[in-house]
C-alpha atoms as a PDB file:
ATOM      1  CA  GLU A   1     125.265-107.389 -92.553  1.00  0.00           C
ATOM      2  CA  ALA A   2     125.510-110.413 -95.238  1.00  0.00           C
ATOM      3  CA  ARG A   3     121.925-111.925 -96.284  1.00  0.00           C
ATOM      4  CA  ALA A   4     121.422-115.101 -98.583  1.00  0.00           C
ATOM      5  CA  ILE A   5     118.553-114.436-101.224  1.00  0.00           C
ATOM      6  CA  VAL A   6     116.588-117.393-102.002  1.00  0.00           C
ATOM      7  CA  SER A   7     114.701-117.927-105.055  1.00  0.00           C
ATOM      8  CA  SER A   8     110.695-118.632-103.893  1.00  0.00           C
ATOM      9  CA  SER A   9     111.467-121.744-106.622  1.00  0.00           C
ATOM     10  CA  SER A  10     113.920-122.914-104.560  1.00  0.00           C
ATOM     11  CA  ARG A  11     112.588-126.773-103.297  1.00  0.00           C
ATOM     12  CA  ASP A  12     112.267-126.947 -99.778  1.00  0.00           C
ATOM     13  CA  LEU A  13     114.213-130.600 -99.201  1.00  0.00           C
ATOM     14  CA  ALA A  14     113.637-130.961 -95.542  1.00  0.00           C
ATOM     15  CA  ALA A  15     109.745-130.202 -96.096  1.00  0.00           C
ATOM     16  CA  GLU A  16     109.723-132.840 -99.194  1.00  0.00           C
ATOM     17  CA  SER A  17     111.231-135.279 -96.576  1.00  0.00           C
ATOM     18  CA  MET A  18     109.028-134.843 -94.007  1.00  0.00           C
ATOM     19  CA  PHE A  19     105.851-135.387 -96.020  1.00  0.00           C
ATOM     20  CA  GLU A  20     107.852-138.553 -97.802  1.00  0.00           C
ATOM     21  CA  TYR A  21     107.441-140.005 -94.465  1.00  0.00           C
ATOM     22  CA  GLY A  22     103.848-140.262 -94.461  1.00  0.00           C
ATOM     23  CA  SER A  23     104.141-142.151 -97.660  1.00  0.00           C
ATOM     24  CA  ARG A  24     107.356-144.535 -96.801  1.00  0.00           C
ATOM     25  CA  VAL A  25     106.235-145.286 -93.282  1.00  0.00           C
ATOM     26  CA  GLY A  26     103.378-143.201 -91.761  1.00  0.00           C
ATOM     27  CA  TRP A  27     100.930-144.899 -94.079  1.00  0.00           C
ATOM     28  CA  TRP A  28     101.582-147.988 -93.418  1.00  0.00           C
ATOM     29  CA  ARG A  29     101.648-147.874 -89.978  1.00  0.00           C
ATOM     30  CA  LEU A  30      98.062-146.369 -89.990  1.00  0.00           C
ATOM     31  CA  HIS A  31      97.206-149.069 -92.192  1.00  0.00           C
ATOM     32  CA  ARG A  32      98.477-151.819 -90.051  1.00  0.00           C
ATOM     33  CA  ILE A  33      96.362-150.085 -87.249  1.00  0.00           C
ATOM     34  CA  PHE A  34      93.128-149.767 -89.101  1.00  0.00           C
ATOM     35  CA  THR A  35      93.144-153.038 -90.743  1.00  0.00           C
ATOM     36  CA  GLY A  36      94.163-154.956 -87.576  1.00  0.00           C
ATOM     37  CA  ALA A  37      91.473-153.284 -85.779  1.00  0.00           C
ATOM     38  CA  HIS A  38      89.107-153.623 -88.371  1.00  0.00           C
ATOM     39  CA  ILE A  39      88.375-150.122 -88.577  1.00  0.00           C
ATOM     40  CA  PRO A  40      86.812-148.922 -91.862  1.00  0.00           C
ATOM     41  CA  VAL A  41      88.025-145.162 -93.139  1.00  0.00           C
ATOM     42  CA  THR A  42      87.488-142.820 -95.526  1.00  0.00           C
ATOM     43  CA  LEU A  43      90.479-141.911 -97.594  1.00  0.00           C
ATOM     44  CA  PHE A  44      91.118-137.988 -98.388  1.00  0.00           C
ATOM     45  CA  ALA A  45      92.686-138.566-101.522  1.00  0.00           C
ATOM     46  CA  CYS A  46      95.006-136.729-104.080  1.00  0.00           C
ATOM     47  CA  ALA A  47      95.189-138.404-106.982  1.00  0.00           C
ATOM     48  CA  ARG A  48      98.855-137.970-108.285  1.00  0.00           C
ATOM     49  CA  ALA A  49      99.800-139.249-104.774  1.00  0.00           C
ATOM     50  CA  LEU A  50      98.222-142.503-105.503  1.00  0.00           C
ATOM     51  CA  GLU A  51      99.866-142.701-108.975  1.00  0.00           C
ATOM     52  CA  ALA A  52     103.177-141.826-107.383  1.00  0.00           C
ATOM     53  CA  ASN A  53     102.775-144.518-105.052  1.00  0.00           C
ATOM     54  CA  PRO A  54     101.609-147.758-106.917  1.00  0.00           C
ATOM     55  CA  PRO A  55     102.178-150.291-103.381  1.00  0.00           C
ATOM     56  CA  ALA A  56      99.865-147.962-101.131  1.00  0.00           C
ATOM     57  CA  ALA A  57      97.300-147.800-104.180  1.00  0.00           C
ATOM     58  CA  ALA A  58      97.215-151.490-104.626  1.00  0.00           C
ATOM     59  CA  ALA A  59      96.362-151.861-100.625  1.00  0.00           C
ATOM     60  CA  ILE A  60      93.701-149.290-100.793  1.00  0.00           C
ATOM     61  CA  ALA A  61      92.332-151.431-103.613  1.00  0.00           C
ATOM     62  CA  ALA A  62      92.221-154.626-101.483  1.00  0.00           C
ATOM     63  CA  THR A  63      90.062-152.788 -98.484  1.00  0.00           C
ATOM     64  CA  ASP A  64      86.669-151.765 -98.431  1.00  0.00           C
ATOM     65  CA  TRP A  65      87.703-148.135 -97.683  1.00  0.00           C
ATOM     66  CA  ASP A  66      86.141-145.310 -99.678  1.00  0.00           C
ATOM     67  CA  ILE A  67      87.635-142.240-101.267  1.00  0.00           C
ATOM     68  CA  CYS A  68      86.265-138.851-100.891  1.00  0.00           C
ATOM     69  CA  GLY A  69      88.785-136.711-103.363  1.00  0.00           C
ATOM     70  CA  HIS A  70      91.212-133.950-102.014  1.00  0.00           C
ATOM     71  CA  GLY A  71      92.145-132.831-105.566  1.00  0.00           C
ATOM     72  CA  TYR A  72      93.936-133.864-108.646  1.00  0.00           C
ATOM     73  CA  ARG A  73      96.889-132.212-106.942  1.00  0.00           C
ATOM     74  CA  TRP A  74      97.238-131.033-103.357  1.00  0.00           C
ATOM     75  CA  ILE A  75      96.186-127.424-104.690  1.00  0.00           C
ATOM     76  CA  LYS A  76      94.495-124.502-103.345  1.00  0.00           C
ATOM     77  CA  HIS A  77      90.767-124.822-105.422  1.00  0.00           C
ATOM     78  CA  TYR A  78      90.176-121.059-104.253  1.00  0.00           C
ATOM     79  CA  GLU A  79      92.790-119.813-106.977  1.00  0.00           C
ATOM     80  CA  LEU A  80      91.380-121.650-109.821  1.00  0.00           C
ATOM     81  CA  GLY A  81      89.339-120.639-112.333  1.00  0.00           C
ATOM     82  CA  GLU A  82      86.129-122.510-112.946  1.00  0.00           C
ATOM     83  CA  ALA A  83      87.177-123.954-116.073  1.00  0.00           C
ATOM     84  CA  GLU A  84      90.322-125.257-114.773  1.00  0.00           C
ATOM     85  CA  GLU A  85      88.614-126.324-111.557  1.00  0.00           C
ATOM     86  CA  ARG A  86      86.245-128.414-113.227  1.00  0.00           C
ATOM     87  CA  ASP A  87      89.174-130.449-115.243  1.00  0.00           C
ATOM     88  CA  GLN A  88      90.809-130.862-111.970  1.00  0.00           C
ATOM     89  CA  ILE A  89      88.124-132.011-110.749  1.00  0.00           C
ATOM     90  CA  ALA A  90      87.454-134.729-113.161  1.00  0.00           C
ATOM     91  CA  ARG A  91      91.323-135.632-113.771  1.00  0.00           C
ATOM     92  CA  ALA A  92      90.826-136.368-109.957  1.00  0.00           C
ATOM     93  CA  VAL A  93      88.062-139.046-110.416  1.00  0.00           C
ATOM     94  CA  GLY A  94      89.877-140.535-113.546  1.00  0.00           C
ATOM     95  CA  LEU A  95      92.933-141.335-111.890  1.00  0.00           C
ATOM     96  CA  ILE A  96      91.763-142.527-108.567  1.00  0.00           C
ATOM     97  CA  ARG A  97      89.563-144.881-110.613  1.00  0.00           C
ATOM     98  CA  GLU A  98      92.513-145.883-112.589  1.00  0.00           C
ATOM     99  CA  THR A  99      94.768-146.306-109.775  1.00  0.00           C
ATOM    100  CA  THR A 100      92.261-148.089-106.759  1.00  0.00           C
ATOM    101  CA  GLY A 101      89.544-148.914-108.545  1.00  0.00           C
ATOM    102  CA  LYS A 102      87.352-147.161-106.519  1.00  0.00           C
ATOM    103  CA  PRO A 103      84.782-144.360-107.299  1.00  0.00           C
ATOM    104  CA  THR A 104      85.281-141.151-105.859  1.00  0.00           C
ATOM    105  CA  LEU A 105      82.259-140.670-103.680  1.00  0.00           C
ATOM    106  CA  GLY A 106      82.843-137.382-102.045  1.00  0.00           C
ATOM    107  CA  TRP A 107      84.831-134.217-102.504  1.00  0.00           C
ATOM    108  CA  TYR A 108      87.177-132.157 -99.857  1.00  0.00           C
ATOM    109  CA  CYS A 109      89.413-129.408-101.342  1.00  0.00           C
ATOM    110  CA  ARG A 110      92.600-128.472 -99.367  1.00  0.00           C
ATOM    111  CA  TYR A 111      91.159-126.228 -96.482  1.00  0.00           C
ATOM    112  CA  ALA A 112      88.760-124.276 -98.817  1.00  0.00           C
ATOM    113  CA  PRO A 113      86.562-124.670-101.866  1.00  0.00           C
ATOM    114  CA  SER A 114      86.079-122.142-104.561  1.00  0.00           C
ATOM    115  CA  GLU A 115      82.562-120.386-104.817  1.00  0.00           C
ATOM    116  CA  ASN A 116      82.011-122.770-108.115  1.00  0.00           C
ATOM    117  CA  THR A 117      83.485-126.276-106.225  1.00  0.00           C
ATOM    118  CA  ARG A 118      79.605-127.261-104.637  1.00  0.00           C
ATOM    119  CA  ARG A 119      78.221-126.918-107.979  1.00  0.00           C
ATOM    120  CA  LEU A 120      80.959-128.386-109.875  1.00  0.00           C
ATOM    121  CA  VAL A 121      80.537-131.201-107.439  1.00  0.00           C
ATOM    122  CA  ALA A 122      77.099-131.505-108.012  1.00  0.00           C
ATOM    123  CA  GLU A 123      76.843-130.881-111.518  1.00  0.00           C
ATOM    124  CA  ASN A 124      79.716-134.091-112.001  1.00  0.00           C
ATOM    125  CA  GLY A 125      76.879-136.106-110.963  1.00  0.00           C
ATOM    126  CA  GLY A 126      79.037-139.083-109.826  1.00  0.00           C
ATOM    127  CA  PHE A 127      79.673-137.722-106.346  1.00  0.00           C
ATOM    128  CA  LEU A 128      77.219-138.877-103.321  1.00  0.00           C
ATOM    129  CA  TYR A 129      78.200-135.408-100.997  1.00  0.00           C
ATOM    130  CA  ASP A 130      80.774-132.997-100.115  1.00  0.00           C
ATOM    131  CA  SER A 131      82.783-132.425 -97.234  1.00  0.00           C
ATOM    132  CA  ASP A 132      83.722-128.577 -97.940  1.00  0.00           C
ATOM    133  CA  ALA A 133      82.026-127.311 -94.774  1.00  0.00           C
ATOM    134  CA  TYR A 134      82.738-127.091 -91.045  1.00  0.00           C
ATOM    135  CA  ASN A 135      79.432-125.897 -89.760  1.00  0.00           C
ATOM    136  CA  ASP A 136      77.738-128.951 -88.309  1.00  0.00           C
ATOM    137  CA  GLU A 137      77.852-132.316 -86.553  1.00  0.00           C
ATOM    138  CA  LEU A 138      75.372-133.518 -88.541  1.00  0.00           C
ATOM    139  CA  PRO A 139      75.017-133.942 -92.692  1.00  0.00           C
ATOM    140  CA  TYR A 140      72.473-131.541 -94.306  1.00  0.00           C
ATOM    141  CA  TRP A 141      70.768-130.930 -97.445  1.00  0.00           C
ATOM    142  CA  VAL A 142      71.258-127.694-100.006  1.00  0.00           C
ATOM    143  CA  ARG A 143      70.151-126.951-102.830  1.00  0.00           C
ATOM    144  CA  GLU A 144      72.286-126.509-105.928  1.00  0.00           C
ATOM    145  CA  SER A 145      71.933-126.033-109.285  1.00  0.00           C
ATOM    146  CA  GLY A 146      68.285-127.015-109.029  1.00  0.00           C
ATOM    147  CA  LYS A 147      68.795-130.329-107.430  1.00  0.00           C
ATOM    148  CA  PRO A 148      69.238-131.567-103.737  1.00  0.00           C
ATOM    149  CA  HIS A 149      72.859-131.874-102.828  1.00  0.00           C
ATOM    150  CA  LEU A 150      74.056-133.459 -99.440  1.00  0.00           C
ATOM    151  CA  VAL A 151      76.849-132.225 -97.479  1.00  0.00           C
ATOM    152  CA  ILE A 152      78.856-134.227 -94.624  1.00  0.00           C
ATOM    153  CA  PRO A 153      80.587-131.603 -92.640  1.00  0.00           C
ATOM    154  CA  TYR A 154      84.344-132.252 -91.299  1.00  0.00           C
ATOM    155  CA  SER A 155      86.030-131.013 -88.506  1.00  0.00           C
ATOM    156  CA  LEU A 156      89.522-129.380 -88.100  1.00  0.00           C
ATOM    157  CA  ALA A 157      89.373-129.558 -84.572  1.00  0.00           C
ATOM    158  CA  THR A 158      89.399-133.190 -83.832  1.00  0.00           C
ATOM    159  CA  ASN A 159      92.386-133.302 -86.409  1.00  0.00           C
ATOM    160  CA  ASP A 160      95.841-134.016 -85.760  1.00  0.00           C
ATOM    161  CA  VAL A 161      96.982-131.123 -87.633  1.00  0.00           C
ATOM    162  CA  LYS A 162      97.136-129.366 -84.712  1.00  0.00           C
ATOM    163  CA  PHE A 163     100.456-131.169 -84.026  1.00  0.00           C
ATOM    164  CA  GLY A 164     102.377-129.140 -86.895  1.00  0.00           C
ATOM    165  CA  ARG A 165     100.511-125.954 -85.967  1.00  0.00           C
ATOM    166  CA  GLY A 166     101.917-126.361 -82.178  1.00  0.00           C
ATOM    167  CA  VAL A 167      98.671-126.983 -80.493  1.00  0.00           C
ATOM    168  CA  PHE A 168      98.887-130.538 -79.492  1.00  0.00           C
ATOM    169  CA  GLY A 169     102.210-131.557 -77.743  1.00  0.00           C
ATOM    170  CA  PRO A 170     102.738-135.488 -76.846  1.00  0.00           C
ATOM    171  CA  GLY A 171     100.280-137.834 -78.207  1.00  0.00           C
ATOM    172  CA  GLU A 172      98.150-137.671 -74.481  1.00  0.00           C
ATOM    173  CA  ASP A 173      96.983-134.211 -75.638  1.00  0.00           C
ATOM    174  CA  PHE A 174      95.696-135.553 -78.669  1.00  0.00           C
ATOM    175  CA  PHE A 175      93.794-138.554 -77.184  1.00  0.00           C
ATOM    176  CA  ALA A 176      92.404-136.408 -74.290  1.00  0.00           C
ATOM    177  CA  TYR A 177      91.037-134.136 -76.765  1.00  0.00           C
ATOM    178  CA  LEU A 178      89.288-136.832 -78.798  1.00  0.00           C
ATOM    179  CA  ARG A 179      88.248-138.582 -75.797  1.00  0.00           C
ATOM    180  CA  ASP A 180      86.383-135.759 -74.407  1.00  0.00           C
ATOM    181  CA  SER A 181      85.163-134.720 -77.519  1.00  0.00           C
ATOM    182  CA  PHE A 182      83.545-138.282 -77.916  1.00  0.00           C
ATOM    183  CA  ASP A 183      82.386-138.659 -74.292  1.00  0.00           C
ATOM    184  CA  LEU A 184      80.261-135.197 -74.531  1.00  0.00           C
ATOM    185  CA  LEU A 185      78.853-136.068 -78.093  1.00  0.00           C
ATOM    186  CA  TYR A 186      77.778-140.086 -76.707  1.00  0.00           C
ATOM    187  CA  GLU A 187      76.075-138.075 -73.797  1.00  0.00           C
ATOM    188  CA  GLU A 188      74.304-135.879 -76.034  1.00  0.00           C
ATOM    189  CA  GLY A 189      73.647-138.974 -78.381  1.00  0.00           C
ATOM    190  CA  ALA A 190      70.801-140.246 -75.670  1.00  0.00           C
ATOM    191  CA  GLU A 191      68.557-137.823 -76.920  1.00  0.00           C
ATOM    192  CA  HIS A 192      70.212-136.551 -80.071  1.00  0.00           C
ATOM    193  CA  PRO A 193      72.775-138.416 -82.411  1.00  0.00           C
ATOM    194  CA  LYS A 194      76.027-137.164 -83.313  1.00  0.00           C
ATOM    195  CA  MET A 195      78.878-137.452 -85.625  1.00  0.00           C
ATOM    196  CA  MET A 196      82.381-136.986 -85.124  1.00  0.00           C
ATOM    197  CA  SER A 197      84.775-136.786 -88.068  1.00  0.00           C
ATOM    198  CA  ILE A 198      88.798-137.415 -86.938  1.00  0.00           C
ATOM    199  CA  GLY A 199      91.096-136.316 -89.648  1.00  0.00           C
ATOM    200  CA  PHE A 200      94.362-138.142 -89.369  1.00  0.00           C
ATOM    201  CA  HIS A 201      97.704-137.496 -91.709  1.00  0.00           C
ATOM    202  CA  MET A 202     100.127-140.195 -92.513  1.00  0.00           C
ATOM    203  CA  ARG A 203     103.251-137.584 -91.983  1.00  0.00           C
ATOM    204  CA  ILE A 204     101.897-136.578 -88.746  1.00  0.00           C
ATOM    205  CA  CYS A 205      99.792-139.562 -87.009  1.00  0.00           C
ATOM    206  CA  GLY A 206     102.005-142.060 -88.903  1.00  0.00           C
ATOM    207  CA  HIS A 207     104.995-141.156 -86.363  1.00  0.00           C
ATOM    208  CA  PRO A 208     104.907-143.766 -83.276  1.00  0.00           C
ATOM    209  CA  GLY A 209     104.114-141.522 -80.433  1.00  0.00           C
ATOM    210  CA  ARG A 210     101.327-139.901 -82.076  1.00  0.00           C
ATOM    211  CA  ALA A 211      99.910-143.071 -83.610  1.00  0.00           C
ATOM    212  CA  LYS A 212      99.778-144.962 -80.089  1.00  0.00           C
ATOM    213  CA  ALA A 213      97.037-142.291 -79.253  1.00  0.00           C
ATOM    214  CA  LEU A 214      95.258-143.223 -82.126  1.00  0.00           C
ATOM    215  CA  ILE A 215      95.105-147.056 -80.710  1.00  0.00           C
ATOM    216  CA  ARG A 216      94.410-145.775 -77.419  1.00  0.00           C
ATOM    217  CA  PHE A 217      91.226-144.088 -78.629  1.00  0.00           C
ATOM    218  CA  ILE A 218      89.933-147.018 -80.765  1.00  0.00           C
ATOM    219  CA  GLU A 219      90.520-148.925 -77.419  1.00  0.00           C
ATOM    220  CA  HIS A 220      88.073-146.181 -75.855  1.00  0.00           C
ATOM    221  CA  LEU A 221      85.798-146.385 -78.517  1.00  0.00           C
ATOM    222  CA  ARG A 222      85.510-150.172 -78.413  1.00  0.00           C
ATOM    223  CA  ALA A 223      84.550-149.688 -74.816  1.00  0.00           C
ATOM    224  CA  HIS A 224      81.129-148.347 -75.828  1.00  0.00           C
ATOM    225  CA  ASP A 225      77.982-149.797 -77.529  1.00  0.00           C
ATOM    226  CA  ARG A 226      75.696-147.774 -79.723  1.00  0.00           C
ATOM    227  CA  VAL A 227      78.582-146.343 -81.724  1.00  0.00           C
ATOM    228  CA  TRP A 228      78.909-146.615 -85.436  1.00  0.00           C
ATOM    229  CA  ILE A 229      82.494-146.734 -86.939  1.00  0.00           C
ATOM    230  CA  CYS A 230      81.763-145.888 -90.236  1.00  0.00           C
ATOM    231  CA  ARG A 231      82.661-144.777 -93.882  1.00  0.00           C
ATOM    232  CA  ARG A 232      81.605-141.203 -95.353  1.00  0.00           C
ATOM    233  CA  GLU A 233      79.809-143.361 -98.008  1.00  0.00           C
ATOM    234  CA  ASP A 234      77.885-145.228 -94.876  1.00  0.00           C
ATOM    235  CA  ILE A 235      76.752-141.838 -93.624  1.00  0.00           C
ATOM    236  CA  ALA A 236      75.594-140.380 -96.707  1.00  0.00           C
ATOM    237  CA  ARG A 237      74.032-143.509 -97.682  1.00  0.00           C
ATOM    238  CA  HIS A 238      72.187-143.557 -94.237  1.00  0.00           C
ATOM    239  CA  TRP A 239      71.248-140.161 -94.600  1.00  0.00           C
ATOM    240  CA  MET A 240      69.591-140.243 -97.909  1.00  0.00           C
ATOM    241  CA  ALA A 241      67.481-143.177 -96.936  1.00  0.00           C
ATOM    242  CA  GLN A 242      66.326-141.921 -93.465  1.00  0.00           C
ATOM    243  CA  PHE A 243      66.659-138.425 -94.070  1.00  0.00           C
ATOM    244  CA  PRO A 244      65.718-137.578 -97.773  1.00  0.00           C
ATOM    245  CA  PRO A 245      65.433-134.012 -98.886  1.00  0.00           C
ATOM    246  CA  GLN A 246      62.332-132.488 -98.202  1.00  0.00           C
END
């Protein structure tokens, strides 16, 4: 039996091409959908990706969308030492400002933070919140480095990443899951407000069959009153004003 041995350092050109679909096609489709529907969004942005795509960075600069830092590069922060992670966060903030003119108001690591991430974000002084948590449906306060720090939880449940993991099949699956999640939260919201975070990736929901599910969900939202579609910056500032730390 003959076996080919491939070095672990070899590039996966097919995977690179699939990701590139997001920057070449998917981003612009999602941009058209959100701007056409006047839907404000928060961009979870890797700084180097913005630097590598000046037209997209310029389009972002022209919107009122806010930015949650998603790394200088798309790396695993829980593998970084404290000094390197501090440097990566600072470099991300600087480069995002340079390419879009926007501040980085929140932080969300690739999948998981390190034990130092929240402290480094809090010590930075320029962030309103971090989203490195999956443990609630509303924001909450913690104490970090002796000061109040706001956490706005994220979700991998209402997230299109499940397409890539084979959980969702057609776009109808994604729409149905988003619709049912929203409908229950809307019912519960009559007595206790809820927050729903939905994650879209350019390389995933940027494809037409999946983007159609997004369009249908926007239409579903528009059929309801008492729904606030907003940016994470808006959530943070609202929470700070209405529910300040005790």
